[in-house]
Amino acid sequence: MGELPFFRAHTALHPDHLWIWEKAVYVDENQRTWLPVTIEIESSLQVLMRQEDVPLGDPVCPSQLGPYLLPVMWQLYPGRRYRGSDSSFWRIVYHIEASFGDTEDMLLEQMPDPEYE
C-alpha cells in the first residue's frame, strides 16, 4: 500500500492589511491574493480567508461593489484581531499554513459591537 503524504500545519504571519481588489478577492501588502468564504452561523458571522494565487483583473472602487457583507479593508490590530473599514472588529480564530499543498487559511469571526451588549 502507498504511503499517505505527511501533513503539517504551522502558524503563519498575519497580513498587516487586506484590501478589496475585486468582488471576492482581497490583496495584502505583499500582493498576495486572498479569497473569502463567508459563513453565517445563527447570530455570528465568520469568514475563511484562503490565500491562493489568482490572476487579478482591474481593481474596483468600493462603490462599484454594491451591498457587500464584508469590510472593503482590514487592518491588523493588537490582540489577534482585525479592524474593518466599517469599524467592526474580527477575532483571528486561527491562521495556519500547511506544508502540504502550500495553502494558507485564516478564520476570522466578527466580534460583537460593545455598544449593543
N, C-alpha and C. Protein backbone atom coordinates (compact mmCIF):
# COMPACT_ATOMS: atom_id res chain seq x y z
N MET A 1 0.83 -1.18 0.00
CA MET A 1 0.00 0.00 0.00
C MET A 1 0.88 1.24 0.00
N GLY A 2 0.47 2.26 -0.73
CA GLY A 2 1.25 3.50 -0.79
C GLY A 2 1.10 4.30 0.50
N GLU A 3 2.10 5.08 0.78
CA GLU A 3 2.06 5.91 1.98
C GLU A 3 1.30 7.19 1.71
N LEU A 4 0.57 7.64 2.72
CA LEU A 4 -0.12 8.91 2.62
C LEU A 4 0.88 10.04 2.81
N PRO A 5 0.67 11.18 2.14
CA PRO A 5 1.59 12.30 2.33
C PRO A 5 1.49 12.82 3.77
N PHE A 6 2.62 13.26 4.29
CA PHE A 6 2.68 13.80 5.64
C PHE A 6 2.16 15.23 5.62
N PHE A 7 1.25 15.54 6.51
CA PHE A 7 0.63 16.87 6.57
C PHE A 7 1.03 17.54 7.87
N ARG A 8 1.59 18.73 7.74
CA ARG A 8 1.93 19.54 8.92
C ARG A 8 1.39 20.93 8.71
N ALA A 9 0.91 21.51 9.77
CA ALA A 9 0.45 22.90 9.71
C ALA A 9 1.19 23.69 10.77
N HIS A 10 1.50 24.93 10.45
CA HIS A 10 2.12 25.80 11.44
C HIS A 10 1.50 27.18 11.35
N THR A 11 1.65 27.92 12.41
CA THR A 11 1.09 29.26 12.48
C THR A 11 1.79 30.17 11.48
N ALA A 12 1.03 30.93 10.76
CA ALA A 12 1.57 31.84 9.76
C ALA A 12 1.55 33.28 10.28
N LEU A 13 2.32 34.14 9.64
CA LEU A 13 2.29 35.56 9.99
C LEU A 13 1.04 36.20 9.39
N HIS A 14 0.39 37.01 10.18
CA HIS A 14 -0.84 37.66 9.72
C HIS A 14 -0.51 38.84 8.79
N PRO A 15 -1.27 39.01 7.71
CA PRO A 15 -1.08 40.20 6.88
C PRO A 15 -1.40 41.46 7.69
N ASP A 16 -0.66 42.53 7.45
CA ASP A 16 -0.95 43.80 8.14
C ASP A 16 -2.24 44.43 7.62
N HIS A 17 -2.46 44.32 6.32
CA HIS A 17 -3.65 44.89 5.69
C HIS A 17 -4.17 43.94 4.62
N LEU A 18 -5.47 43.99 4.42
CA LEU A 18 -6.12 43.30 3.31
C LEU A 18 -7.07 44.31 2.66
N TRP A 19 -6.90 44.54 1.37
CA TRP A 19 -7.74 45.48 0.63
C TRP A 19 -8.55 44.71 -0.41
N ILE A 20 -9.79 45.14 -0.60
CA ILE A 20 -10.58 44.50 -1.65
C ILE A 20 -10.00 44.92 -3.00
N TRP A 21 -9.86 43.98 -3.90
CA TRP A 21 -9.35 44.27 -5.24
C TRP A 21 -10.49 44.21 -6.24
N GLU A 22 -11.25 43.15 -6.12
CA GLU A 22 -12.46 42.97 -6.89
C GLU A 22 -13.37 42.11 -6.02
N LYS A 23 -14.63 41.95 -6.42
CA LYS A 23 -15.54 41.19 -5.58
C LYS A 23 -14.98 39.79 -5.31
N ALA A 24 -14.90 39.44 -4.04
CA ALA A 24 -14.43 38.14 -3.57
C ALA A 24 -12.92 37.93 -3.75
N VAL A 25 -12.15 39.01 -3.90
CA VAL A 25 -10.69 38.91 -3.94
C VAL A 25 -10.10 40.07 -3.15
N TYR A 26 -9.29 39.72 -2.14
CA TYR A 26 -8.54 40.72 -1.36
C TYR A 26 -7.06 40.58 -1.68
N VAL A 27 -6.31 41.66 -1.50
CA VAL A 27 -4.87 41.66 -1.73
C VAL A 27 -4.20 42.19 -0.47
N ASP A 28 -3.09 41.55 -0.05
CA ASP A 28 -2.37 42.03 1.12
C ASP A 28 -1.19 42.91 0.71
N GLU A 29 -0.42 43.36 1.70
CA GLU A 29 0.69 44.28 1.44
C GLU A 29 1.82 43.64 0.64
N ASN A 30 1.82 42.33 0.51
CA ASN A 30 2.83 41.62 -0.29
C ASN A 30 2.28 41.18 -1.64
N GLN A 31 1.15 41.74 -2.03
CA GLN A 31 0.49 41.44 -3.31
C GLN A 31 0.02 39.99 -3.41
N ARG A 32 -0.21 39.36 -2.27
CA ARG A 32 -0.78 38.01 -2.27
C ARG A 32 -2.30 38.13 -2.28
N THR A 33 -2.96 37.25 -2.97
CA THR A 33 -4.42 37.32 -3.07
C THR A 33 -5.08 36.37 -2.06
N TRP A 34 -6.19 36.82 -1.51
CA TRP A 34 -6.96 36.08 -0.50
C TRP A 34 -8.40 35.99 -0.96
N LEU A 35 -8.97 34.80 -0.87
CA LEU A 35 -10.35 34.56 -1.29
C LEU A 35 -11.21 34.32 -0.05
N PRO A 36 -12.24 35.14 0.17
CA PRO A 36 -13.09 34.98 1.34
C PRO A 36 -14.25 34.02 1.11
N VAL A 37 -14.54 33.22 2.12
CA VAL A 37 -15.74 32.39 2.13
C VAL A 37 -16.50 32.78 3.39
N THR A 38 -17.66 33.36 3.23
CA THR A 38 -18.46 33.84 4.35
C THR A 38 -19.29 32.71 4.93
N ILE A 39 -19.29 32.64 6.27
CA ILE A 39 -20.02 31.60 6.99
C ILE A 39 -20.92 32.29 8.02
N GLU A 40 -22.23 32.13 7.87
CA GLU A 40 -23.16 32.70 8.84
C GLU A 40 -23.71 31.57 9.69
N ILE A 41 -23.47 31.67 11.01
CA ILE A 41 -23.95 30.66 11.95
C ILE A 41 -24.78 31.37 13.01
N GLU A 42 -26.07 31.13 13.00
CA GLU A 42 -27.01 31.78 13.90
C GLU A 42 -26.75 33.28 13.92
N SER A 43 -26.30 33.83 15.04
CA SER A 43 -26.11 35.28 15.12
C SER A 43 -24.65 35.67 14.92
N SER A 44 -23.82 34.74 14.47
CA SER A 44 -22.39 35.01 14.32
C SER A 44 -22.00 34.98 12.84
N LEU A 45 -21.03 35.81 12.50
CA LEU A 45 -20.52 35.87 11.13
C LEU A 45 -19.04 35.54 11.15
N GLN A 46 -18.64 34.59 10.32
CA GLN A 46 -17.24 34.21 10.19
C GLN A 46 -16.86 34.30 8.72
N VAL A 47 -15.56 34.47 8.49
CA VAL A 47 -15.06 34.46 7.13
C VAL A 47 -13.76 33.66 7.11
N LEU A 48 -13.71 32.69 6.22
CA LEU A 48 -12.49 31.93 6.00
C LEU A 48 -11.76 32.60 4.85
N MET A 49 -10.57 33.12 5.15
CA MET A 49 -9.74 33.75 4.13
C MET A 49 -8.70 32.73 3.70
N ARG A 50 -8.73 32.37 2.42
CA ARG A 50 -7.77 31.41 1.88
C ARG A 50 -6.81 32.15 0.96
N GLN A 51 -5.52 32.04 1.27
CA GLN A 51 -4.50 32.66 0.42
C GLN A 51 -4.28 31.74 -0.76
N GLU A 52 -4.61 32.25 -1.92
CA GLU A 52 -4.50 31.47 -3.14
C GLU A 52 -4.13 32.43 -4.27
N ASP A 53 -3.17 32.03 -5.09
CA ASP A 53 -2.77 32.88 -6.21
C ASP A 53 -3.82 32.83 -7.30
N VAL A 54 -4.38 34.00 -7.61
CA VAL A 54 -5.35 34.11 -8.70
C VAL A 54 -4.95 35.29 -9.57
N PRO A 55 -5.22 35.23 -10.87
CA PRO A 55 -4.92 36.39 -11.72
C PRO A 55 -5.83 37.55 -11.34
N LEU A 56 -5.25 38.74 -11.29
CA LEU A 56 -6.01 39.91 -10.90
C LEU A 56 -6.50 40.67 -12.12
N GLY A 57 -7.75 41.05 -12.06
CA GLY A 57 -8.29 41.93 -13.09
C GLY A 57 -8.05 43.37 -12.66
N ASP A 58 -8.83 44.28 -13.19
CA ASP A 58 -8.72 45.67 -12.79
C ASP A 58 -9.32 45.85 -11.41
N PRO A 59 -8.71 46.71 -10.58
CA PRO A 59 -9.29 46.95 -9.25
C PRO A 59 -10.62 47.69 -9.37
N VAL A 60 -11.49 47.46 -8.39
CA VAL A 60 -12.79 48.13 -8.38
C VAL A 60 -12.85 49.12 -7.22
N CYS A 61 -13.63 50.15 -7.41
CA CYS A 61 -13.91 51.10 -6.33
C CYS A 61 -14.98 50.47 -5.44
N PRO A 62 -14.94 50.75 -4.13
CA PRO A 62 -15.97 50.19 -3.25
C PRO A 62 -17.39 50.48 -3.71
N SER A 63 -17.60 51.65 -4.33
CA SER A 63 -18.95 51.99 -4.79
C SER A 63 -19.42 51.07 -5.92
N GLN A 64 -18.49 50.42 -6.61
CA GLN A 64 -18.85 49.52 -7.69
C GLN A 64 -19.27 48.14 -7.18
N LEU A 65 -19.02 47.86 -5.90
CA LEU A 65 -19.32 46.55 -5.35
C LEU A 65 -20.80 46.35 -5.04
N GLY A 66 -21.51 47.42 -4.78
CA GLY A 66 -22.88 47.29 -4.33
C GLY A 66 -22.89 46.83 -2.88
N PRO A 67 -24.02 46.34 -2.37
CA PRO A 67 -24.06 45.87 -0.98
C PRO A 67 -23.07 44.71 -0.81
N TYR A 68 -22.23 44.81 0.21
CA TYR A 68 -21.21 43.79 0.43
C TYR A 68 -21.14 43.52 1.92
N LEU A 69 -21.19 42.27 2.31
CA LEU A 69 -21.26 41.85 3.70
C LEU A 69 -19.97 42.10 4.48
N LEU A 70 -18.83 42.08 3.79
CA LEU A 70 -17.53 42.19 4.45
C LEU A 70 -16.94 43.58 4.28
N PRO A 71 -16.04 43.98 5.18
CA PRO A 71 -15.37 45.28 5.03
C PRO A 71 -14.53 45.31 3.74
N VAL A 72 -14.33 46.49 3.19
CA VAL A 72 -13.52 46.61 1.99
C VAL A 72 -12.03 46.66 2.33
N MET A 73 -11.70 46.89 3.60
CA MET A 73 -10.31 46.89 4.05
C MET A 73 -10.25 46.36 5.47
N TRP A 74 -9.19 45.61 5.77
CA TRP A 74 -8.95 45.08 7.10
C TRP A 74 -7.57 45.54 7.55
N GLN A 75 -7.44 45.93 8.81
CA GLN A 75 -6.15 46.32 9.36
C GLN A 75 -5.88 45.51 10.62
N LEU A 76 -4.68 44.94 10.70
CA LEU A 76 -4.31 44.13 11.86
C LEU A 76 -4.18 45.02 13.09
N TYR A 77 -4.78 44.59 14.18
CA TYR A 77 -4.75 45.31 15.46
C TYR A 77 -4.11 44.41 16.50
N PRO A 78 -3.64 44.99 17.61
CA PRO A 78 -3.10 44.14 18.69
C PRO A 78 -4.19 43.21 19.24
N GLY A 79 -3.76 42.11 19.81
CA GLY A 79 -4.71 41.19 20.42
C GLY A 79 -5.33 40.21 19.45
N ARG A 80 -4.59 39.80 18.41
CA ARG A 80 -5.07 38.81 17.44
C ARG A 80 -6.44 39.17 16.85
N ARG A 81 -6.52 40.37 16.31
CA ARG A 81 -7.79 40.80 15.70
C ARG A 81 -7.52 41.78 14.57
N TYR A 82 -8.53 41.94 13.75
CA TYR A 82 -8.52 42.91 12.66
C TYR A 82 -9.62 43.92 12.90
N ARG A 83 -9.39 45.13 12.42
CA ARG A 83 -10.45 46.14 12.40
C ARG A 83 -10.81 46.38 10.95
N GLY A 84 -12.09 46.31 10.67
CA GLY A 84 -12.57 46.53 9.31
C GLY A 84 -12.78 47.99 9.03
N SER A 85 -12.84 48.34 7.76
CA SER A 85 -13.06 49.73 7.35
C SER A 85 -14.43 50.24 7.80
N ASP A 86 -15.32 49.33 8.19
CA ASP A 86 -16.64 49.71 8.71
C ASP A 86 -16.64 49.80 10.24
N SER A 87 -15.44 49.81 10.86
CA SER A 87 -15.22 49.90 12.31
C SER A 87 -15.53 48.61 13.06
N SER A 88 -15.83 47.54 12.36
CA SER A 88 -16.08 46.26 13.02
C SER A 88 -14.75 45.61 13.42
N PHE A 89 -14.80 44.78 14.46
CA PHE A 89 -13.62 44.03 14.89
C PHE A 89 -13.84 42.55 14.61
N TRP A 90 -12.75 41.88 14.21
CA TRP A 90 -12.79 40.48 13.83
C TRP A 90 -11.68 39.76 14.56
N ARG A 91 -12.03 38.74 15.31
CA ARG A 91 -11.06 37.93 16.06
C ARG A 91 -10.44 36.89 15.13
N ILE A 92 -9.14 36.72 15.23
CA ILE A 92 -8.47 35.67 14.47
C ILE A 92 -8.64 34.36 15.24
N VAL A 93 -9.49 33.49 14.74
CA VAL A 93 -9.74 32.20 15.38
C VAL A 93 -8.53 31.30 15.16
N TYR A 94 -8.07 31.22 13.94
CA TYR A 94 -6.82 30.52 13.64
C TYR A 94 -6.26 31.03 12.32
N HIS A 95 -4.98 30.83 12.14
CA HIS A 95 -4.29 31.18 10.90
C HIS A 95 -3.16 30.18 10.74
N ILE A 96 -3.31 29.30 9.78
CA ILE A 96 -2.32 28.23 9.59
C ILE A 96 -1.83 28.20 8.15
N GLU A 97 -0.63 27.71 8.02
CA GLU A 97 -0.04 27.46 6.71
C GLU A 97 0.31 25.99 6.66
N ALA A 98 -0.22 25.29 5.69
CA ALA A 98 0.04 23.85 5.57
C ALA A 98 1.24 23.63 4.66
N SER A 99 2.10 22.75 5.07
CA SER A 99 3.28 22.45 4.24
C SER A 99 2.90 21.58 3.05
N PHE A 100 1.78 20.90 3.12
CA PHE A 100 1.32 20.08 2.01
C PHE A 100 0.38 20.92 1.15
N GLY A 101 0.76 21.22 -0.06
CA GLY A 101 -0.09 22.00 -0.94
C GLY A 101 0.10 23.50 -0.84
N ASP A 102 0.92 23.95 0.10
CA ASP A 102 1.23 25.38 0.25
C ASP A 102 -0.03 26.24 0.38
N THR A 103 -1.01 25.78 1.13
CA THR A 103 -2.20 26.59 1.35
C THR A 103 -2.09 27.32 2.68
N GLU A 104 -2.77 28.42 2.77
CA GLU A 104 -2.79 29.22 3.99
C GLU A 104 -4.23 29.62 4.23
N ASP A 105 -4.74 29.32 5.41
CA ASP A 105 -6.12 29.65 5.78
C ASP A 105 -6.13 30.47 7.05
N MET A 106 -7.02 31.47 7.07
CA MET A 106 -7.19 32.30 8.26
C MET A 106 -8.70 32.44 8.49
N LEU A 107 -9.14 32.00 9.66
CA LEU A 107 -10.56 32.11 10.01
C LEU A 107 -10.75 33.30 10.93
N LEU A 108 -11.63 34.21 10.52
CA LEU A 108 -11.96 35.40 11.30
C LEU A 108 -13.40 35.32 11.75
N GLU A 109 -13.66 35.80 12.96
CA GLU A 109 -15.02 35.81 13.50
C GLU A 109 -15.34 37.23 13.95
N GLN A 110 -16.48 37.73 13.48
CA GLN A 110 -16.87 39.09 13.84
C GLN A 110 -17.17 39.16 15.33
N MET A 111 -16.60 40.16 15.98
CA MET A 111 -16.80 40.33 17.42
C MET A 111 -18.04 41.19 17.63
N PRO A 112 -18.79 40.93 18.69
CA PRO A 112 -19.97 41.73 18.95
C PRO A 112 -19.60 43.19 19.18
N ASP A 113 -20.46 44.08 18.76
CA ASP A 113 -20.26 45.52 18.97
C ASP A 113 -20.51 45.80 20.45
N PRO A 114 -19.51 46.32 21.18
CA PRO A 114 -19.70 46.54 22.62
C PRO A 114 -20.80 47.53 22.95
N GLU A 115 -21.19 48.39 21.98
CA GLU A 115 -22.27 49.34 22.23
C GLU A 115 -23.62 48.66 22.37
N TYR A 116 -23.76 47.46 21.80
CA TYR A 116 -25.05 46.78 21.78
C TYR A 116 -25.11 45.58 22.71
N GLU A 117 -24.12 45.43 23.56
CA GLU A 117 -24.13 44.30 24.51
C GLU A 117 -24.81 44.68 25.79
